[in-house]
Amino acid sequence: MNHRTYLALAIPLTISTMTQPLLGAVDTAVVGQLPDPAYIGGVAVGTLIFNTLYWVFGFLRVSTSAFAAQANGASDSVQEVLALSRPFLLALLVGLCFIFLQWPIEYSALTLIAPDSDVSQFAAEYFRIRIWGAPFTLMNYVILGWLMGMDKIKEALFLQVLMNMLNMILAILFVHGFSFAVKGVAMATLIAEITAFLIGIIIVWRILPFKWKIPSIHALIDTQSMKKMFHVNKDLFIRTICLLVVFNMFTAKGASFGTEFLAANAVLFQIHYIMAYFFDGFANASSILVGKAVGSNDEKLYKKTLTLSWQWSIIIALIIACAYGLFQEQIIGLFTNLPSVIELSTKYGAWLIIYPFVACFGLIIYGVFTGATEIAPVRNSMIYAMIVFIILQVTATPVWHNHGLWLAFIVYTIGRSAFLVMYIPRLNKKLTLKEEFEN
């Protein structure tokens, strides 16, 4: 294992994961060219609702990838199929529940965020169309996680790029060609999600490790395996809840400053998502390699992956910060042409130059823990960081307004990295002891 091997895995994964925030970013950019900032605000609120719904179950991708990588490392074809089947069924059931509960979800979300009436109307239009894609989106998480864990990176990349290219083309066509406005970007995303699911099923069918058959009920609900899956997913669920508390508080507070502040923060947050997912590609590479190391009891591979994760955290932070610092105006201009929103985005955009340096360790080392399916430290670090954010958000925003809000977010990000890094020695010791015991 060397830098070349690591990058050969990390770069395609980065391209693949970078396409995920592009769904929201494309929607924001397309409506950002319309004459009213309420369009951006409506899509921002609608996207936030779906981020909340889907990120709560983001563990479906992360844990599926980890379990598939461990099964792949152990060359266990039965467990490879079960690593797909168990979360796939869960994703289908949860997605259907979202559809059945769409009215109370919409009402509760808009009541909690409390945007202006125009923003609320556009957010509702966006939500009522995209909600029908919930089962497909969650099952796509499982498919992508399984493909990544199985080292089928090209297939995962193809699926993600296809979905986002289709979304981009349809969004431009529906909004600027047919004048569907917010409904157009929602329809585009829905069609792209369903198309990606159908093609993903075909890809999975063709690369399964043995002739497909439905696993037995006994195999699906095996007590020990289910207990481990739910234990890992429980901690990832709590971690995601903490993440969403921070993001929702951030958006709600920004909305309280007015529609233009909400729109500017929405633009900056979309840029932040792209930065975060850039790191996430390297985190996925670390997760897959650590999963293989655990599955094959290869301590040397684990230690080398950890070293490369540290090194590339710093390198990627430098690249992202420099790129954004040099092209800040051009990047913001891709999302909106409204002078007032551009002015506010530029004013507060300097915080995003700091973000890569304080986020890098927390976002990439996170992959080491998920690959080892040691999620409790991830959960704990997020709880501590969330508490820091809440304290600062309450105390800093009355004094420094939107700067105080961004200060709270940056300090939260520092805590997210620092608290997780503190658990590395414990993880090293645990995996080393496990290796010695099994030998």
Protein backbone atom coordinates (compact mmCIF):
# COMPACT_ATOMS: atom_id res chain seq x y z
CA MET A 1 0.00 0.00 0.00
CA ASN A 2 1.39 3.38 -1.06
CA HIS A 3 0.17 6.81 -2.10
CA ARG A 4 -0.53 5.66 -5.65
CA THR A 5 -2.68 2.73 -4.48
CA TYR A 6 -4.56 4.96 -2.04
CA LEU A 7 -5.21 7.63 -4.66
CA ALA A 8 -6.29 5.04 -7.24
CA LEU A 9 -9.15 4.26 -4.86
CA ALA A 10 -9.70 7.74 -3.39
CA ILE A 11 -9.92 9.79 -6.61
CA PRO A 12 -12.78 7.82 -8.26
CA LEU A 13 -14.56 7.72 -4.89
CA THR A 14 -14.12 11.47 -4.54
CA ILE A 15 -15.62 12.07 -7.98
CA SER A 16 -18.46 9.72 -7.08
CA THR A 17 -19.26 11.24 -3.68
CA MET A 18 -18.80 14.79 -4.98
CA THR A 19 -21.82 14.23 -7.20
CA GLN A 20 -24.11 13.79 -4.17
CA PRO A 21 -24.22 17.46 -3.06
CA LEU A 22 -24.59 18.45 -6.70
CA LEU A 23 -28.29 17.50 -6.57
CA GLY A 24 -28.95 20.33 -4.13
CA ALA A 25 -26.27 22.57 -5.62
CA VAL A 26 -27.70 22.29 -9.15
CA ASP A 27 -31.20 23.00 -7.87
CA THR A 28 -29.91 26.08 -6.00
CA ALA A 29 -27.86 27.30 -8.97
CA VAL A 30 -30.68 26.90 -11.49
CA VAL A 31 -33.27 28.82 -9.43
CA GLY A 32 -30.55 31.28 -8.40
CA GLN A 33 -30.79 32.76 -11.89
CA LEU A 34 -34.48 33.62 -11.36
CA PRO A 35 -35.35 37.20 -10.33
CA ASP A 36 -36.55 36.62 -6.73
CA PRO A 37 -34.32 35.40 -3.84
CA ALA A 38 -37.40 33.62 -2.46
CA TYR A 39 -36.81 30.95 -5.13
CA ILE A 40 -33.37 30.21 -3.67
CA GLY A 41 -34.79 30.32 -0.16
CA GLY A 42 -37.60 27.91 -1.07
CA VAL A 43 -35.22 25.38 -2.61
CA ALA A 44 -32.83 25.83 0.35
CA VAL A 45 -35.59 25.04 2.83
CA GLY A 46 -36.89 22.16 0.71
CA THR A 47 -33.39 20.73 0.35
CA LEU A 48 -32.88 21.07 4.10
CA ILE A 49 -36.02 19.02 4.75
CA PHE A 50 -34.77 16.22 2.50
CA ASN A 51 -31.26 16.42 3.91
CA THR A 52 -32.85 15.97 7.33
CA LEU A 53 -34.92 12.98 6.22
CA TYR A 54 -32.18 11.29 4.23
CA TRP A 55 -29.17 12.07 6.39
CA VAL A 56 -30.93 10.55 9.40
CA PHE A 57 -30.67 7.32 7.42
CA GLY A 58 -27.31 8.09 5.84
CA PHE A 59 -25.97 5.18 7.87
CA LEU A 60 -27.51 2.94 5.22
CA ARG A 61 -24.68 3.84 2.84
CA VAL A 62 -21.90 4.08 5.41
CA SER A 63 -22.61 0.85 7.28
CA THR A 64 -23.40 -1.07 4.07
CA SER A 65 -20.02 -0.03 2.67
CA ALA A 66 -18.22 -1.09 5.86
CA PHE A 67 -19.93 -4.50 6.15
CA ALA A 68 -19.51 -5.20 2.43
CA ALA A 69 -15.79 -4.29 2.63
CA GLN A 70 -15.29 -6.61 5.60
CA ALA A 71 -17.13 -9.44 3.83
CA ASN A 72 -15.08 -8.77 0.71
CA GLY A 73 -11.85 -8.79 2.73
CA ALA A 74 -12.87 -12.14 4.22
CA SER A 75 -13.90 -13.49 0.76
CA ASP A 76 -17.32 -14.47 2.18
CA SER A 77 -19.79 -14.37 -0.74
CA VAL A 78 -22.82 -15.16 1.44
CA GLN A 79 -22.13 -12.22 3.73
CA GLU A 80 -21.53 -10.01 0.70
CA VAL A 81 -25.10 -10.63 -0.45
CA LEU A 82 -26.53 -10.25 3.06
CA ALA A 83 -24.61 -6.97 3.45
CA LEU A 84 -26.80 -5.71 0.58
CA SER A 85 -30.10 -7.45 1.38
CA ARG A 86 -30.57 -6.42 5.02
CA PRO A 87 -30.20 -2.64 4.62
CA PHE A 88 -32.00 -2.72 1.24
CA LEU A 89 -35.17 -4.02 2.89
CA LEU A 90 -34.86 -1.42 5.66
CA ALA A 91 -34.41 1.38 3.09
CA LEU A 92 -37.56 0.34 1.21
CA LEU A 93 -39.69 0.28 4.38
CA VAL A 94 -38.41 3.64 5.63
CA GLY A 95 -38.90 5.29 2.23
CA LEU A 96 -42.52 4.12 2.08
CA CYS A 97 -43.08 5.48 5.60
CA PHE A 98 -41.84 8.89 4.45
CA ILE A 99 -44.43 8.90 1.66
CA PHE A 100 -47.25 7.91 4.00
CA LEU A 101 -46.24 10.60 6.52
CA GLN A 102 -45.52 13.36 4.01
CA TRP A 103 -48.21 15.78 5.25
CA PRO A 104 -47.16 15.85 8.93
CA ILE A 105 -43.50 15.98 7.87
CA GLU A 106 -44.11 19.02 5.65
CA TYR A 107 -46.19 20.83 8.26
CA SER A 108 -43.74 20.17 11.09
CA ALA A 109 -40.69 21.20 9.06
CA LEU A 110 -42.15 24.47 7.78
CA THR A 111 -43.50 25.33 11.21
CA LEU A 112 -40.10 24.71 12.79
CA ILE A 113 -38.06 26.64 10.21
CA ALA A 114 -40.73 29.37 9.88
CA PRO A 115 -39.55 31.03 6.62
CA ASP A 116 -41.32 33.95 4.93
CA SER A 117 -44.63 33.14 3.22
CA ASP A 118 -43.19 33.17 -0.33
CA VAL A 119 -40.26 30.97 0.70
CA SER A 120 -42.65 28.62 2.50
CA GLN A 121 -44.84 28.29 -0.61
CA PHE A 122 -41.90 27.41 -2.87
CA ALA A 123 -40.49 24.99 -0.27
CA ALA A 124 -43.85 23.19 -0.13
CA GLU A 125 -43.96 22.88 -3.93
CA TYR A 126 -40.46 21.41 -3.94
CA PHE A 127 -41.22 19.00 -1.09
CA ARG A 128 -44.50 17.63 -2.49
CA ILE A 129 -42.80 16.46 -5.67
CA ARG A 130 -39.49 15.15 -4.34
CA ILE A 131 -41.04 13.15 -1.47
CA TRP A 132 -42.18 10.49 -3.97
CA GLY A 133 -38.54 9.63 -4.58
CA ALA A 134 -37.85 8.74 -0.92
CA PRO A 135 -37.73 4.92 -1.31
CA PHE A 136 -35.55 5.20 -4.40
CA THR A 137 -33.12 7.63 -2.75
CA LEU A 138 -32.64 5.44 0.33
CA MET A 139 -32.25 2.28 -1.74
CA ASN A 140 -29.70 4.17 -3.86
CA TYR A 141 -27.73 4.78 -0.64
CA VAL A 142 -27.59 1.02 -0.06
CA ILE A 143 -26.66 0.24 -3.66
CA LEU A 144 -23.85 2.83 -3.67
CA GLY A 145 -22.54 1.73 -0.27
CA TRP A 146 -22.48 -1.89 -1.37
CA LEU A 147 -20.73 -1.11 -4.67
CA MET A 148 -18.08 0.90 -2.84
CA GLY A 149 -17.56 -1.78 -0.21
CA MET A 150 -17.25 -4.41 -2.94
CA ASP A 151 -14.55 -2.32 -4.66
CA LYS A 152 -16.80 -1.65 -7.66
CA ILE A 153 -15.75 1.98 -7.79
CA LYS A 154 -16.22 2.49 -11.54
CA GLU A 155 -19.81 1.28 -11.31
CA ALA A 156 -20.54 3.56 -8.35
CA LEU A 157 -18.97 6.48 -10.17
CA PHE A 158 -20.97 5.81 -13.33
CA LEU A 159 -24.22 5.66 -11.35
CA GLN A 160 -23.59 8.93 -9.51
CA VAL A 161 -22.41 10.87 -12.56
CA LEU A 162 -25.36 9.62 -14.59
CA MET A 163 -27.84 10.71 -11.93
CA ASN A 164 -26.38 14.18 -11.60
CA MET A 165 -25.92 14.83 -15.30
CA LEU A 166 -29.53 13.82 -15.89
CA ASN A 167 -30.65 16.03 -12.99
CA MET A 168 -28.68 19.00 -14.34
CA ILE A 169 -29.99 18.68 -17.90
CA LEU A 170 -33.61 18.22 -16.81
CA ALA A 171 -33.43 21.05 -14.24
CA ILE A 172 -32.22 23.53 -16.88
CA LEU A 173 -34.81 22.26 -19.37
CA PHE A 174 -37.75 22.39 -16.94
CA VAL A 175 -36.85 25.76 -15.37
CA HIS A 176 -35.48 27.79 -18.27
CA GLY A 177 -37.12 25.88 -21.13
CA PHE A 178 -40.59 25.16 -19.75
CA SER A 179 -40.66 27.85 -16.98
CA PHE A 180 -41.63 25.34 -14.25
CA ALA A 181 -39.51 27.25 -11.67
CA VAL A 182 -39.21 25.39 -8.33
CA LYS A 183 -41.46 22.56 -9.48
CA GLY A 184 -39.09 22.01 -12.38
CA VAL A 185 -35.99 21.42 -10.25
CA ALA A 186 -37.95 19.08 -7.98
CA MET A 187 -39.23 17.07 -10.96
CA ALA A 188 -35.72 16.87 -12.40
CA THR A 189 -34.29 15.50 -9.16
CA LEU A 190 -37.11 12.97 -8.76
CA ILE A 191 -36.66 11.61 -12.29
CA ALA A 192 -32.88 11.41 -11.83
CA GLU A 193 -33.22 9.49 -8.54
CA ILE A 194 -35.63 6.93 -9.98
CA THR A 195 -33.50 6.44 -13.09
CA ALA A 196 -30.36 5.91 -10.99
CA PHE A 197 -32.17 3.29 -8.91
CA LEU A 198 -33.33 1.30 -11.92
CA ILE A 199 -29.87 1.28 -13.49
CA GLY A 200 -28.29 0.51 -10.10
CA ILE A 201 -30.45 -2.61 -9.76
CA ILE A 202 -29.25 -3.81 -13.16
CA ILE A 203 -25.60 -3.22 -12.18
CA VAL A 204 -26.01 -5.08 -8.87
CA TRP A 205 -27.76 -7.98 -10.58
CA ARG A 206 -24.84 -8.40 -12.99
CA ILE A 207 -22.03 -8.34 -10.41
CA LEU A 208 -23.47 -10.34 -7.51
CA PRO A 209 -20.92 -12.92 -6.32
CA PHE A 210 -23.20 -15.86 -7.11
CA LYS A 211 -26.52 -16.52 -8.87
CA TRP A 212 -29.11 -14.30 -7.25
CA LYS A 213 -31.66 -15.81 -4.94
CA ILE A 214 -33.61 -14.25 -2.09
CA PRO A 215 -31.76 -14.98 1.19
CA SER A 216 -33.67 -17.08 3.67
CA ILE A 217 -35.55 -15.35 6.49
CA HIS A 218 -33.22 -17.10 8.94
CA ALA A 219 -30.15 -15.65 7.23
CA LEU A 220 -31.66 -12.17 6.98
CA ILE A 221 -32.55 -11.96 10.66
CA ASP A 222 -29.55 -13.83 12.04
CA THR A 223 -29.44 -12.59 15.66
CA GLN A 224 -25.73 -11.82 15.94
CA SER A 225 -25.44 -10.16 12.52
CA MET A 226 -28.61 -8.10 13.00
CA LYS A 227 -27.47 -7.05 16.47
CA LYS A 228 -24.13 -5.84 15.09
CA MET A 229 -25.80 -4.02 12.17
CA PHE A 230 -28.29 -2.22 14.42
CA HIS A 231 -25.59 -1.40 16.97
CA VAL A 232 -23.47 0.26 14.27
CA ASN A 233 -26.49 1.94 12.70
CA LYS A 234 -27.76 3.18 16.08
CA ASP A 235 -24.54 5.09 16.70
CA LEU A 236 -24.48 6.43 13.13
CA PHE A 237 -28.13 7.45 13.57
CA ILE A 238 -27.29 9.46 16.71
CA ARG A 239 -24.30 11.00 14.93
CA THR A 240 -26.55 12.09 12.06
CA ILE A 241 -29.17 13.52 14.42
CA CYS A 242 -26.45 15.71 15.96
CA LEU A 243 -25.36 16.83 12.50
CA LEU A 244 -28.91 17.73 11.54
CA VAL A 245 -29.56 19.61 14.78
CA VAL A 246 -26.59 21.83 13.90
CA PHE A 247 -27.60 22.30 10.24
CA ASN A 248 -31.26 22.96 11.07
CA MET A 249 -30.40 25.45 13.81
CA PHE A 250 -28.00 27.16 11.41
CA THR A 251 -30.63 27.45 8.66
CA ALA A 252 -33.43 28.50 11.01
CA LYS A 253 -31.26 31.21 12.59
CA GLY A 254 -30.18 32.44 9.17
CA ALA A 255 -33.85 32.58 8.09
CA SER A 256 -34.60 34.78 11.11
CA PHE A 257 -32.21 37.40 9.68
CA GLY A 258 -34.33 37.72 6.50
CA THR A 259 -34.75 36.13 3.06
CA GLU A 260 -31.54 37.57 1.61
CA PHE A 261 -29.45 36.21 4.50
CA LEU A 262 -31.18 32.84 4.12
CA ALA A 263 -30.36 32.85 0.39
CA ALA A 264 -26.70 33.87 0.95
CA ASN A 265 -26.17 31.26 3.65
CA ALA A 266 -27.83 28.68 1.37
CA VAL A 267 -25.30 29.44 -1.37
CA LEU A 268 -22.37 29.21 1.08
CA PHE A 269 -23.72 26.00 2.59
CA GLN A 270 -23.94 24.40 -0.84
CA ILE A 271 -20.26 25.29 -1.37
CA HIS A 272 -19.51 23.85 2.07
CA TYR A 273 -21.31 20.62 1.12
CA ILE A 274 -19.11 20.28 -1.96
CA MET A 275 -15.99 20.79 0.17
CA ALA A 276 -17.20 18.23 2.73
CA TYR A 277 -17.99 15.63 0.09
CA PHE A 278 -14.57 16.16 -1.46
CA PHE A 279 -13.13 14.99 1.87
CA ASP A 280 -15.76 12.25 2.02
CA GLY A 281 -14.29 10.56 -1.06
CA PHE A 282 -11.00 10.09 0.79
CA ALA A 283 -12.91 9.01 3.92
CA ASN A 284 -14.63 6.33 1.83
CA ALA A 285 -11.26 5.12 0.56
CA SER A 286 -9.97 4.88 4.14
CA SER A 287 -13.17 3.11 5.22
CA ILE A 288 -12.92 0.48 2.47
CA LEU A 289 -9.22 -0.21 3.15
CA VAL A 290 -9.71 -0.41 6.92
CA GLY A 291 -12.74 -2.66 6.37
CA LYS A 292 -10.59 -4.98 4.27
CA ALA A 293 -7.85 -4.85 6.91
CA VAL A 294 -10.30 -5.85 9.64
CA GLY A 295 -11.91 -8.55 7.47
CA SER A 296 -8.52 -10.09 6.60
CA ASN A 297 -6.82 -9.35 9.98
CA ASP A 298 -4.14 -7.28 8.24
CA GLU A 299 -2.70 -4.93 10.88
CA LYS A 300 -0.08 -3.57 8.48
CA LEU A 301 -2.76 -2.46 6.01
CA TYR A 302 -4.68 -0.74 8.82
CA LYS A 303 -1.66 1.22 10.06
CA LYS A 304 -0.63 2.27 6.55
CA THR A 305 -4.19 3.40 5.77
CA LEU A 306 -4.27 5.48 8.95
CA THR A 307 -0.95 7.15 8.04
CA LEU A 308 -2.14 7.95 4.51
CA SER A 309 -5.41 9.31 5.93
CA TRP A 310 -3.51 11.82 8.11
CA GLN A 311 -1.30 12.92 5.24
CA TRP A 312 -4.05 13.38 2.67
CA SER A 313 -6.28 15.20 5.16
CA ILE A 314 -3.76 18.04 5.22
CA ILE A 315 -3.02 17.97 1.48
CA ILE A 316 -6.71 18.09 0.51
CA ALA A 317 -7.39 20.91 2.99
CA LEU A 318 -4.67 23.01 1.35
CA ILE A 319 -5.96 22.31 -2.17
CA ILE A 320 -9.59 23.16 -1.31
CA ALA A 321 -8.76 26.32 0.66
CA CYS A 322 -6.47 27.65 -2.08
CA ALA A 323 -8.98 26.88 -4.85
CA TYR A 324 -11.82 28.59 -3.02
CA GLY A 325 -9.66 31.56 -1.97
CA LEU A 326 -8.56 32.18 -5.56
CA PHE A 327 -11.95 31.71 -7.23
CA GLN A 328 -14.42 32.76 -4.54
CA GLU A 329 -16.28 35.31 -6.66
CA GLN A 330 -16.56 33.00 -9.65
CA ILE A 331 -17.79 30.10 -7.50
CA ILE A 332 -20.47 32.22 -5.81
CA GLY A 333 -21.45 33.56 -9.23
CA LEU A 334 -22.29 30.03 -10.36
CA PHE A 335 -25.09 29.90 -7.79
CA THR A 336 -26.79 33.27 -8.21
CA ASN A 337 -26.75 36.48 -10.21
CA LEU A 338 -28.63 38.57 -7.61
CA PRO A 339 -26.35 41.44 -6.50
CA SER A 340 -27.63 41.55 -2.90
CA VAL A 341 -27.15 37.80 -2.43
CA ILE A 342 -23.69 37.89 -4.07
CA GLU A 343 -22.66 40.76 -1.78
CA LEU A 344 -23.73 38.91 1.37
CA SER A 345 -22.24 35.61 0.18
CA THR A 346 -18.90 37.31 -0.47
CA LYS A 347 -19.01 39.10 2.89
CA TYR A 348 -19.47 35.90 4.87
CA GLY A 349 -17.69 33.57 2.45
CA ALA A 350 -14.30 34.11 4.09
CA TRP A 351 -15.34 31.60 6.76
CA LEU A 352 -15.19 28.88 4.11
CA ILE A 353 -11.45 29.44 3.65
CA ILE A 354 -11.00 28.36 7.28
CA TYR A 355 -13.39 25.43 7.01
CA PRO A 356 -11.16 22.88 5.17
CA PHE A 357 -8.38 23.16 7.75
CA VAL A 358 -10.63 22.64 10.76
CA ALA A 359 -12.75 19.93 9.08
CA CYS A 360 -10.10 17.76 7.41
CA PHE A 361 -9.26 15.37 10.25
CA GLY A 362 -12.83 14.90 11.41
CA LEU A 363 -14.08 14.16 7.89
CA ILE A 364 -11.35 11.78 6.70
CA ILE A 365 -10.40 9.99 9.95
CA TYR A 366 -14.13 9.36 10.33
CA GLY A 367 -13.72 6.82 7.51
CA VAL A 368 -11.14 4.88 9.54
CA PHE A 369 -13.66 4.39 12.35
CA THR A 370 -16.55 3.43 10.07
CA GLY A 371 -14.38 0.92 8.21
CA ALA A 372 -13.53 -0.73 11.52
CA THR A 373 -17.26 -0.51 12.49
CA GLU A 374 -16.18 1.26 15.69
CA ILE A 375 -18.81 3.99 15.65
CA ALA A 376 -19.17 4.94 19.33
CA PRO A 377 -16.27 7.45 19.13
CA VAL A 378 -17.88 9.04 16.06
CA ARG A 379 -21.16 9.34 17.97
CA ASN A 380 -19.51 10.81 21.06
CA SER A 381 -17.43 13.35 19.15
CA MET A 382 -20.53 14.63 17.35
CA ILE A 383 -22.49 14.97 20.59
CA TYR A 384 -19.71 17.03 22.17
CA ALA A 385 -19.31 19.20 19.05
CA MET A 386 -23.08 19.80 18.84
CA ILE A 387 -23.14 21.03 22.43
CA VAL A 388 -20.31 23.45 21.62
CA PHE A 389 -22.27 24.76 18.60
CA ILE A 390 -25.48 25.31 20.57
CA ILE A 391 -23.68 27.25 23.30
CA LEU A 392 -21.84 29.47 20.82
CA GLN A 393 -24.83 29.94 18.54
CA VAL A 394 -26.93 31.19 21.44
CA THR A 395 -24.21 33.49 22.80
CA ALA A 396 -22.45 34.72 19.65
CA THR A 397 -25.29 35.55 17.22
CA PRO A 398 -26.85 38.31 19.39
CA VAL A 399 -23.45 40.04 19.36
CA TRP A 400 -22.05 39.32 15.88
CA HIS A 401 -25.23 38.49 13.93
CA ASN A 402 -24.46 36.26 10.91
CA HIS A 403 -20.72 36.33 11.63
CA GLY A 404 -21.55 34.89 15.05
CA LEU A 405 -23.53 32.11 13.38
CA TRP A 406 -20.58 31.20 11.15
CA LEU A 407 -18.19 31.43 14.10
CA ALA A 408 -20.32 28.90 15.98
CA PHE A 409 -20.26 26.59 12.95
CA ILE A 410 -16.48 26.78 12.53
CA VAL A 411 -15.83 26.13 16.24
CA TYR A 412 -18.26 23.20 16.06
CA THR A 413 -16.22 21.84 13.14
CA ILE A 414 -13.00 22.20 15.14
CA GLY A 415 -14.61 20.23 17.96
CA ARG A 416 -15.86 17.58 15.55
CA SER A 417 -12.26 16.93 14.43
CA ALA A 418 -10.53 17.30 17.81
CA PHE A 419 -12.92 15.11 19.79
CA LEU A 420 -12.69 12.29 17.21
CA VAL A 421 -8.89 12.40 16.94
CA MET A 422 -8.71 11.88 20.71
CA TYR A 423 -10.10 8.34 20.19
CA ILE A 424 -7.39 7.23 17.73
CA PRO A 425 -5.03 5.73 20.37
CA ARG A 426 -7.92 3.69 21.78
CA LEU A 427 -8.81 2.42 18.29
CA ASN A 428 -5.18 1.46 17.61
CA LYS A 429 -5.03 -0.47 20.85
CA LYS A 430 -8.34 -2.23 20.29
CA LEU A 431 -7.53 -3.40 16.76
CA THR A 432 -4.02 -4.51 17.77
CA LEU A 433 -5.38 -6.52 20.69
CA LYS A 434 -8.02 -8.05 18.41
CA GLU A 435 -5.27 -9.08 15.98
CA GLU A 436 -3.20 -10.69 18.74
CA PHE A 437 -6.22 -12.52 20.19
CA GLU A 438 -7.31 -13.95 16.82
CA ASN A 439 -3.78 -15.12 16.04
